[in-house]
PDB file of all heavy atoms in Angstrom:
ATOM      1  N   LEU A   1      22.921  61.714  12.429  1.00  0.00           N
ATOM      2  CA  LEU A   1      23.137  60.279  12.329  1.00  0.00           C
ATOM      3  C   LEU A   1      21.892  59.568  11.852  1.00  0.00           C
ATOM      4  O   LEU A   1      21.965  58.630  11.043  1.00  0.00           O
ATOM      5  CB  LEU A   1      23.593  59.771  13.700  1.00  0.00           C
ATOM      6  CG  LEU A   1      24.073  58.297  13.849  1.00  0.00           C
ATOM      7  CD1 LEU A   1      22.972  57.330  13.972  1.00  0.00           C
ATOM      8  CD2 LEU A   1      25.033  57.919  12.734  1.00  0.00           C
ATOM      9  N   ALA A   2      20.739  59.999  12.327  1.00  0.00           N
ATOM     10  CA  ALA A   2      19.478  59.342  11.977  1.00  0.00           C
ATOM     11  C   ALA A   2      19.192  59.469  10.471  1.00  0.00           C
ATOM     12  O   ALA A   2      18.781  58.520   9.824  1.00  0.00           O
ATOM     13  CB  ALA A   2      18.302  59.924  12.751  1.00  0.00           C
ATOM     14  N   VAL A   3      19.447  60.700   9.916  1.00  0.00           N
ATOM     15  CA  VAL A   3      19.230  60.887   8.498  1.00  0.00           C
ATOM     16  C   VAL A   3      20.190  59.996   7.671  1.00  0.00           C
ATOM     17  O   VAL A   3      19.761  59.344   6.709  1.00  0.00           O
ATOM     18  CB  VAL A   3      19.477  62.354   8.106  1.00  0.00           C
ATOM     19  CG1 VAL A   3      19.516  62.525   6.605  1.00  0.00           C
ATOM     20  CG2 VAL A   3      18.358  63.217   8.715  1.00  0.00           C
ATOM     21  N   ILE A   4      21.433  59.952   8.062  1.00  0.00           N
ATOM     22  CA  ILE A   4      22.411  59.104   7.358  1.00  0.00           C
ATOM     23  C   ILE A   4      22.033  57.631   7.469  1.00  0.00           C
ATOM     24  O   ILE A   4      22.079  56.888   6.510  1.00  0.00           O
ATOM     25  CB  ILE A   4      23.825  59.350   7.929  1.00  0.00           C
ATOM     26  CG1 ILE A   4      24.285  60.774   7.567  1.00  0.00           C
ATOM     27  CG2 ILE A   4      24.822  58.324   7.376  1.00  0.00           C
ATOM     28  CD1 ILE A   4      25.598  61.210   8.225  1.00  0.00           C
ATOM     29  N   PHE A   5      21.621  57.218   8.668  1.00  0.00           N
ATOM     30  CA  PHE A   5      21.259  55.839   8.886  1.00  0.00           C
ATOM     31  C   PHE A   5      20.062  55.432   8.063  1.00  0.00           C
ATOM     32  O   PHE A   5      20.101  54.372   7.409  1.00  0.00           O
ATOM     33  CB  PHE A   5      20.973  55.610  10.391  1.00  0.00           C
ATOM     34  CG  PHE A   5      20.408  54.262  10.701  1.00  0.00           C
ATOM     35  CD1 PHE A   5      21.296  53.178  10.876  1.00  0.00           C
ATOM     36  CD2 PHE A   5      19.055  54.049  10.826  1.00  0.00           C
ATOM     37  CE1 PHE A   5      20.782  51.921  11.177  1.00  0.00           C
ATOM     38  CE2 PHE A   5      18.551  52.797  11.115  1.00  0.00           C
ATOM     39  CZ  PHE A   5      19.416  51.726  11.276  1.00  0.00           C
ATOM     40  N   VAL A   6      18.994  56.219   8.081  1.00  0.00           N
ATOM     41  CA  VAL A   6      17.793  55.870   7.312  1.00  0.00           C
ATOM     42  C   VAL A   6      18.084  55.867   5.822  1.00  0.00           C
ATOM     43  O   VAL A   6      17.648  54.949   5.087  1.00  0.00           O
ATOM     44  CB  VAL A   6      16.655  56.851   7.657  1.00  0.00           C
ATOM     45  CG1 VAL A   6      15.458  56.595   6.763  1.00  0.00           C
ATOM     46  CG2 VAL A   6      16.251  56.684   9.125  1.00  0.00           C
ATOM     47  N   ALA A   7      18.819  56.873   5.332  1.00  0.00           N
ATOM     48  CA  ALA A   7      19.179  56.922   3.918  1.00  0.00           C
ATOM     49  C   ALA A   7      20.023  55.679   3.497  1.00  0.00           C
ATOM     50  O   ALA A   7      19.773  55.092   2.449  1.00  0.00           O
ATOM     51  CB  ALA A   7      19.945  58.195   3.577  1.00  0.00           C
ATOM     52  N   ALA A   8      20.971  55.317   4.331  1.00  0.00           N
ATOM     53  CA  ALA A   8      21.793  54.142   4.057  1.00  0.00           C
ATOM     54  C   ALA A   8      20.950  52.876   4.073  1.00  0.00           C
ATOM     55  O   ALA A   8      21.151  51.968   3.256  1.00  0.00           O
ATOM     56  CB  ALA A   8      22.932  54.069   5.061  1.00  0.00           C
ATOM     57  N   THR A   9      20.003  52.813   5.001  1.00  0.00           N
ATOM     58  CA  THR A   9      19.110  51.648   5.091  1.00  0.00           C
ATOM     59  C   THR A   9      18.284  51.519   3.832  1.00  0.00           C
ATOM     60  O   THR A   9      18.072  50.425   3.275  1.00  0.00           O
ATOM     61  CB  THR A   9      18.209  51.759   6.320  1.00  0.00           C
ATOM     62  OG1 THR A   9      18.993  51.824   7.481  1.00  0.00           O
ATOM     63  CG2 THR A   9      17.281  50.555   6.408  1.00  0.00           C
ATOM     64  N   LEU A  10      17.756  52.650   3.328  1.00  0.00           N
ATOM     65  CA  LEU A  10      16.935  52.611   2.112  1.00  0.00           C
ATOM     66  C   LEU A  10      17.757  52.220   0.883  1.00  0.00           C
ATOM     67  O   LEU A  10      17.269  51.496   0.003  1.00  0.00           O
ATOM     68  CB  LEU A  10      16.297  53.983   1.886  1.00  0.00           C
ATOM     69  CG  LEU A  10      15.212  54.384   2.886  1.00  0.00           C
ATOM     70  CD1 LEU A  10      14.614  55.720   2.495  1.00  0.00           C
ATOM     71  CD2 LEU A  10      14.102  53.314   2.915  1.00  0.00           C
ATOM     72  N   LEU A  11      18.998  52.661   0.816  1.00  0.00           N
ATOM     73  CA  LEU A  11      19.903  52.218  -0.256  1.00  0.00           C
ATOM     74  C   LEU A  11      20.106  50.698  -0.214  1.00  0.00           C
ATOM     75  O   LEU A  11      20.078  50.030  -1.205  1.00  0.00           O
ATOM     76  CB  LEU A  11      21.241  52.943  -0.189  1.00  0.00           C
ATOM     77  CG  LEU A  11      21.251  54.391  -0.683  1.00  0.00           C
ATOM     78  CD1 LEU A  11      22.618  54.989  -0.402  1.00  0.00           C
ATOM     79  CD2 LEU A  11      20.954  54.457  -2.189  1.00  0.00           C
ATOM     80  N   GLY A  12      20.295  50.191   1.007  1.00  0.00           N
ATOM     81  CA  GLY A  12      20.462  48.738   1.172  1.00  0.00           C
ATOM     82  C   GLY A  12      19.182  48.015   0.781  1.00  0.00           C
ATOM     83  O   GLY A  12      19.223  46.938   0.139  1.00  0.00           O
ATOM     84  N   PHE A  13      18.066  48.609   1.127  1.00  0.00           N
ATOM     85  CA  PHE A  13      16.762  47.992   0.759  1.00  0.00           C
ATOM     86  C   PHE A  13      16.554  47.997  -0.740  1.00  0.00           C
ATOM     87  O   PHE A  13      16.107  47.006  -1.318  1.00  0.00           O
ATOM     88  CB  PHE A  13      15.609  48.802   1.448  1.00  0.00           C
ATOM     89  CG  PHE A  13      14.263  48.226   1.210  1.00  0.00           C
ATOM     90  CD1 PHE A  13      13.805  47.169   1.970  1.00  0.00           C
ATOM     91  CD2 PHE A  13      13.413  48.770   0.250  1.00  0.00           C
ATOM     92  CE1 PHE A  13      12.547  46.634   1.791  1.00  0.00           C
ATOM     93  CE2 PHE A  13      12.151  48.264   0.049  1.00  0.00           C
ATOM     94  CZ  PHE A  13      11.704  47.181   0.819  1.00  0.00           C
ATOM     95  N   ALA A  14      16.992  49.070  -1.385  1.00  0.00           N
ATOM     96  CA  ALA A  14      16.850  49.134  -2.870  1.00  0.00           C
ATOM     97  C   ALA A  14      17.727  48.127  -3.582  1.00  0.00           C
ATOM     98  O   ALA A  14      17.387  47.703  -4.709  1.00  0.00           O
ATOM     99  CB  ALA A  14      17.175  50.550  -3.334  1.00  0.00           C
ATOM    100  N   SER A  15      18.843  47.783  -2.957  1.00  0.00           N
ATOM    101  CA  SER A  15      19.741  46.830  -3.600  1.00  0.00           C
ATOM    102  C   SER A  15      19.235  45.385  -3.565  1.00  0.00           C
ATOM    103  O   SER A  15      19.680  44.537  -4.318  1.00  0.00           O
ATOM    104  CB  SER A  15      21.110  46.891  -2.921  1.00  0.00           C
ATOM    105  OG  SER A  15      21.055  46.302  -1.623  1.00  0.00           O
ATOM    106  N   HIS A  16      18.317  45.125  -2.635  1.00  0.00           N
ATOM    107  CA  HIS A  16      17.755  43.766  -2.439  1.00  0.00           C
ATOM    108  C   HIS A  16      18.826  42.767  -2.009  1.00  0.00           C
ATOM    109  O   HIS A  16      18.573  41.519  -2.029  1.00  0.00           O
ATOM    110  CB  HIS A  16      17.076  43.219  -3.698  1.00  0.00           C
ATOM    111  CG  HIS A  16      15.847  43.999  -4.060  1.00  0.00           C
ATOM    112  ND1 HIS A  16      14.662  43.968  -3.333  1.00  0.00           N
ATOM    113  CD2 HIS A  16      15.606  44.861  -5.101  1.00  0.00           C
ATOM    114  CE1 HIS A  16      13.774  44.731  -3.886  1.00  0.00           C
ATOM    115  NE2 HIS A  16      14.299  45.311  -4.959  1.00  0.00           N
ATOM    116  N   SER A  17      19.977  43.216  -1.589  1.00  0.00           N
ATOM    117  CA  SER A  17      20.974  42.350  -1.046  1.00  0.00           C
ATOM    118  C   SER A  17      20.606  41.959   0.366  1.00  0.00           C
ATOM    119  O   SER A  17      19.963  42.742   1.067  1.00  0.00           O
ATOM    120  CB  SER A  17      22.364  42.944  -1.076  1.00  0.00           C
ATOM    121  OG  SER A  17      22.415  44.086  -0.210  1.00  0.00           O
ATOM    122  N   PRO A  18      20.933  40.753   0.824  1.00  0.00           N
ATOM    123  CA  PRO A  18      20.558  40.343   2.172  1.00  0.00           C
ATOM    124  C   PRO A  18      21.079  41.284   3.215  1.00  0.00           C
ATOM    125  O   PRO A  18      22.258  41.531   3.372  1.00  0.00           O
ATOM    126  CB  PRO A  18      21.203  38.936   2.316  1.00  0.00           C
ATOM    127  CG  PRO A  18      21.387  38.465   0.918  1.00  0.00           C
ATOM    128  CD  PRO A  18      21.625  39.679   0.092  1.00  0.00           C
ATOM    129  N   GLY A  19      20.137  41.899   3.991  1.00  0.00           N
ATOM    130  CA  GLY A  19      20.548  42.851   5.013  1.00  0.00           C
ATOM    131  C   GLY A  19      21.202  44.100   4.497  1.00  0.00           C
ATOM    132  O   GLY A  19      21.868  44.790   5.232  1.00  0.00           O
ATOM    133  N   GLY A  20      21.003  44.368   3.181  1.00  0.00           N
ATOM    134  CA  GLY A  20      21.684  45.519   2.594  1.00  0.00           C
ATOM    135  C   GLY A  20      23.188  45.375   2.671  1.00  0.00           C
ATOM    136  O   GLY A  20      23.914  46.395   2.676  1.00  0.00           O
ATOM    137  N   LEU A  21      23.659  44.132   2.723  1.00  0.00           N
ATOM    138  CA  LEU A  21      25.075  43.865   2.954  1.00  0.00           C
ATOM    139  C   LEU A  21      25.926  44.537   1.899  1.00  0.00           C
ATOM    140  O   LEU A  21      25.760  44.377   0.690  1.00  0.00           O
ATOM    141  CB  LEU A  21      25.340  42.345   2.958  1.00  0.00           C
ATOM    142  CG  LEU A  21      26.784  41.907   3.313  1.00  0.00           C
ATOM    143  CD1 LEU A  21      27.070  42.296   4.733  1.00  0.00           C
ATOM    144  CD2 LEU A  21      26.887  40.402   3.118  1.00  0.00           C
ATOM    145  N   GLY A  22      26.914  45.304   2.359  1.00  0.00           N
ATOM    146  CA  GLY A  22      27.828  46.046   1.455  1.00  0.00           C
ATOM    147  C   GLY A  22      27.313  47.398   1.090  1.00  0.00           C
ATOM    148  O   GLY A  22      28.007  48.374   1.209  1.00  0.00           O
ATOM    149  N   VAL A  23      26.033  47.515   0.724  1.00  0.00           N
ATOM    150  CA  VAL A  23      25.473  48.797   0.311  1.00  0.00           C
ATOM    151  C   VAL A  23      25.294  49.688   1.553  1.00  0.00           C
ATOM    152  O   VAL A  23      25.715  50.872   1.516  1.00  0.00           O
ATOM    153  CB  VAL A  23      24.147  48.597  -0.450  1.00  0.00           C
ATOM    154  CG1 VAL A  23      23.554  49.938  -0.844  1.00  0.00           C
ATOM    155  CG2 VAL A  23      24.361  47.697  -1.630  1.00  0.00           C
ATOM    156  N   PHE A  24      24.624  49.174   2.535  1.00  0.00           N
ATOM    157  CA  PHE A  24      24.413  49.939   3.779  1.00  0.00           C
ATOM    158  C   PHE A  24      25.762  50.371   4.408  1.00  0.00           C
ATOM    159  O   PHE A  24      25.944  51.521   4.756  1.00  0.00           O
ATOM    160  CB  PHE A  24      23.620  49.103   4.765  1.00  0.00           C
ATOM    161  CG  PHE A  24      23.558  49.660   6.176  1.00  0.00           C
ATOM    162  CD1 PHE A  24      22.686  50.703   6.498  1.00  0.00           C
ATOM    163  CD2 PHE A  24      24.414  49.151   7.157  1.00  0.00           C
ATOM    164  CE1 PHE A  24      22.634  51.216   7.806  1.00  0.00           C
ATOM    165  CE2 PHE A  24      24.370  49.673   8.439  1.00  0.00           C
ATOM    166  CZ  PHE A  24      23.490  50.725   8.753  1.00  0.00           C
ATOM    167  N   ASP A  25      26.666  49.429   4.414  1.00  0.00           N
ATOM    168  CA  ASP A  25      27.967  49.698   5.043  1.00  0.00           C
ATOM    169  C   ASP A  25      28.733  50.749   4.260  1.00  0.00           C
ATOM    170  O   ASP A  25      29.400  51.624   4.859  1.00  0.00           O
ATOM    171  CB  ASP A  25      28.784  48.398   5.150  1.00  0.00           C
ATOM    172  CG  ASP A  25      27.928  47.264   5.742  1.00  0.00           C
ATOM    173  OD1 ASP A  25      27.905  47.107   6.969  1.00  0.00           O
ATOM    174  OD2 ASP A  25      27.272  46.547   4.987  1.00  0.00           O
ATOM    175  N   ALA A  26      28.729  50.619   2.913  1.00  0.00           N
ATOM    176  CA  ALA A  26      29.470  51.586   2.109  1.00  0.00           C
ATOM    177  C   ALA A  26      28.895  53.013   2.288  1.00  0.00           C
ATOM    178  O   ALA A  26      29.634  53.968   2.419  1.00  0.00           O
ATOM    179  CB  ALA A  26      29.359  51.197   0.634  1.00  0.00           C
ATOM    180  N   ALA A  27      27.553  53.129   2.350  1.00  0.00           N
ATOM    181  CA  ALA A  27      26.951  54.424   2.533  1.00  0.00           C
ATOM    182  C   ALA A  27      27.346  55.025   3.900  1.00  0.00           C
ATOM    183  O   ALA A  27      27.599  56.228   4.001  1.00  0.00           O
ATOM    184  CB  ALA A  27      25.408  54.310   2.401  1.00  0.00           C
ATOM    185  N   MET A  28      27.323  54.210   4.925  1.00  0.00           N
ATOM    186  CA  MET A  28      27.700  54.702   6.244  1.00  0.00           C
ATOM    187  C   MET A  28      29.163  55.126   6.299  1.00  0.00           C
ATOM    188  O   MET A  28      29.514  56.168   6.903  1.00  0.00           O
ATOM    189  CB  MET A  28      27.420  53.595   7.285  1.00  0.00           C
ATOM    190  CG  MET A  28      25.951  53.270   7.473  1.00  0.00           C
ATOM    191  SD  MET A  28      24.998  54.557   8.247  1.00  0.00           S
ATOM    192  CE  MET A  28      25.589  54.440   9.970  1.00  0.00           C
ATOM    193  N   LEU A  29      30.020  54.353   5.679  1.00  0.00           N
ATOM    194  CA  LEU A  29      31.453  54.721   5.678  1.00  0.00           C
ATOM    195  C   LEU A  29      31.728  55.990   4.916  1.00  0.00           C
ATOM    196  O   LEU A  29      32.586  56.772   5.325  1.00  0.00           O
ATOM    197  CB  LEU A  29      32.274  53.538   5.066  1.00  0.00           C
ATOM    198  CG  LEU A  29      32.400  52.278   5.970  1.00  0.00           C
ATOM    199  CD1 LEU A  29      32.927  51.113   5.142  1.00  0.00           C
ATOM    200  CD2 LEU A  29      33.351  52.590   7.129  1.00  0.00           C
ATOM    201  N   VAL A  30      31.004  56.177   3.806  1.00  0.00           N
ATOM    202  CA  VAL A  30      31.173  57.414   3.018  1.00  0.00           C
ATOM    203  C   VAL A  30      30.653  58.645   3.794  1.00  0.00           C
ATOM    204  O   VAL A  30      31.316  59.678   3.843  1.00  0.00           O
ATOM    205  CB  VAL A  30      30.495  57.275   1.657  1.00  0.00           C
ATOM    206  CG1 VAL A  30      30.446  58.615   0.925  1.00  0.00           C
ATOM    207  CG2 VAL A  30      31.246  56.260   0.832  1.00  0.00           C
ATOM    208  N   ALA A  31      29.454  58.486   4.355  1.00  0.00           N
ATOM    209  CA  ALA A  31      28.806  59.655   4.980  1.00  0.00           C
ATOM    210  C   ALA A  31      29.452  60.012   6.304  1.00  0.00           C
ATOM    211  O   ALA A  31      29.547  61.213   6.647  1.00  0.00           O
ATOM    212  CB  ALA A  31      27.330  59.363   5.172  1.00  0.00           C
ATOM    213  N   LEU A  32      29.951  59.027   7.039  1.00  0.00           N
ATOM    214  CA  LEU A  32      30.541  59.313   8.361  1.00  0.00           C
ATOM    215  C   LEU A  32      32.075  59.315   8.192  1.00  0.00           C
ATOM    216  O   LEU A  32      32.795  58.587   8.921  1.00  0.00           O
ATOM    217  CB  LEU A  32      30.081  58.233   9.371  1.00  0.00           C
ATOM    218  CG  LEU A  32      28.588  58.208   9.628  1.00  0.00           C
ATOM    219  CD1 LEU A  32      28.201  57.052  10.533  1.00  0.00           C
ATOM    220  CD2 LEU A  32      28.116  59.541  10.224  1.00  0.00           C
ATOM    221  N   TRP A  33      32.547  60.114   7.307  1.00  0.00           N
ATOM    222  CA  TRP A  33      33.979  60.161   6.992  1.00  0.00           C
ATOM    223  C   TRP A  33      34.810  60.694   8.113  1.00  0.00           C
ATOM    224  O   TRP A  33      36.042  60.450   8.196  1.00  0.00           O
ATOM    225  CB  TRP A  33      34.189  61.077   5.775  1.00  0.00           C
ATOM    226  CG  TRP A  33      33.570  62.422   5.973  1.00  0.00           C
ATOM    227  CD1 TRP A  33      32.306  62.809   5.590  1.00  0.00           C
ATOM    228  CD2 TRP A  33      34.169  63.548   6.596  1.00  0.00           C
ATOM    229  NE1 TRP A  33      32.053  64.113   5.950  1.00  0.00           N
ATOM    230  CE2 TRP A  33      33.178  64.614   6.585  1.00  0.00           C
ATOM    231  CE3 TRP A  33      35.389  63.831   7.200  1.00  0.00           C
ATOM    232  CZ2 TRP A  33      33.439  65.866   7.139  1.00  0.00           C
ATOM    233  CZ3 TRP A  33      35.647  65.068   7.723  1.00  0.00           C
ATOM    234  CH2 TRP A  33      34.661  66.090   7.679  1.00  0.00           C
ATOM    235  N   GLN A  34      34.210  61.411   9.079  1.00  0.00           N
ATOM    236  CA  GLN A  34      34.956  62.046  10.144  1.00  0.00           C
ATOM    237  C   GLN A  34      35.479  61.071  11.196  1.00  0.00           C
ATOM    238  O   GLN A  34      36.316  61.405  12.008  1.00  0.00           O
ATOM    239  CB  GLN A  34      34.132  63.159  10.846  1.00  0.00           C
ATOM    240  CG  GLN A  34      32.854  62.639  11.473  1.00  0.00           C
ATOM    241  CD  GLN A  34      31.680  62.759  10.515  1.00  0.00           C
ATOM    242  OE1 GLN A  34      31.688  62.153   9.426  1.00  0.00           O
ATOM    243  NE2 GLN A  34      30.611  63.464  10.930  1.00  0.00           N
ATOM    244  N   PHE A  35      34.932  59.836  11.183  1.00  0.00           N
ATOM    245  CA  PHE A  35      35.335  58.828  12.167  1.00  0.00           C
ATOM    246  C   PHE A  35      36.523  57.993  11.636  1.00  0.00           C
ATOM    247  O   PHE A  35      36.682  57.843  10.440  1.00  0.00           O
ATOM    248  CB  PHE A  35      34.183  57.891  12.537  1.00  0.00           C
ATOM    249  CG  PHE A  35      33.026  58.574  13.220  1.00  0.00           C
ATOM    250  CD1 PHE A  35      31.759  58.532  12.721  1.00  0.00           C
ATOM    251  CD2 PHE A  35      33.258  59.270  14.432  1.00  0.00           C
ATOM    252  CE1 PHE A  35      30.704  59.119  13.337  1.00  0.00           C
ATOM    253  CE2 PHE A  35      32.198  59.886  15.056  1.00  0.00           C
ATOM    254  CZ  PHE A  35      30.931  59.826  14.529  1.00  0.00           C
ATOM    255  N   GLU A  36      37.268  57.446  12.584  1.00  0.00           N
ATOM    256  CA  GLU A  36      38.306  56.483  12.196  1.00  0.00           C
ATOM    257  C   GLU A  36      37.605  55.258  11.585  1.00  0.00           C
ATOM    258  O   GLU A  36      36.643  54.722  12.150  1.00  0.00           O
ATOM    259  CB  GLU A  36      39.114  56.060  13.416  1.00  0.00           C
ATOM    260  CG  GLU A  36      40.008  57.175  13.978  1.00  0.00           C
ATOM    261  CD  GLU A  36      41.163  57.483  13.058  1.00  0.00           C
ATOM    262  OE1 GLU A  36      41.578  56.593  12.276  1.00  0.00           O
ATOM    263  OE2 GLU A  36      41.702  58.609  13.164  1.00  0.00           O
ATOM    264  N   LYS A  37      38.130  54.790  10.434  1.00  0.00           N
ATOM    265  CA  LYS A  37      37.482  53.694   9.732  1.00  0.00           C
ATOM    266  C   LYS A  37      37.362  52.409  10.584  1.00  0.00           C
ATOM    267  O   LYS A  37      36.326  51.783  10.590  1.00  0.00           O
ATOM    268  CB  LYS A  37      38.233  53.405   8.438  1.00  0.00           C
ATOM    269  CG  LYS A  37      38.156  54.495   7.399  1.00  0.00           C
ATOM    270  CD  LYS A  37      38.954  54.138   6.162  1.00  0.00           C
ATOM    271  CE  LYS A  37      38.931  55.283   5.149  1.00  0.00           C
ATOM    272  NZ  LYS A  37      39.728  54.921   3.945  1.00  0.00           N
TER     273      LYS A  37
END
C-alpha cells in the first residue's frame, strides 16, 4: 500500500493539479483493483 500510495502521490505532484486531484485518485483506483470501488 505504501508503494502504491507514494507512487500515486508523485503522479499527482507531477500533474500540478491542486492536491493531485483526479490523478492521485485514478492511480489508486487502478492499482488497488482488488477492492470494491
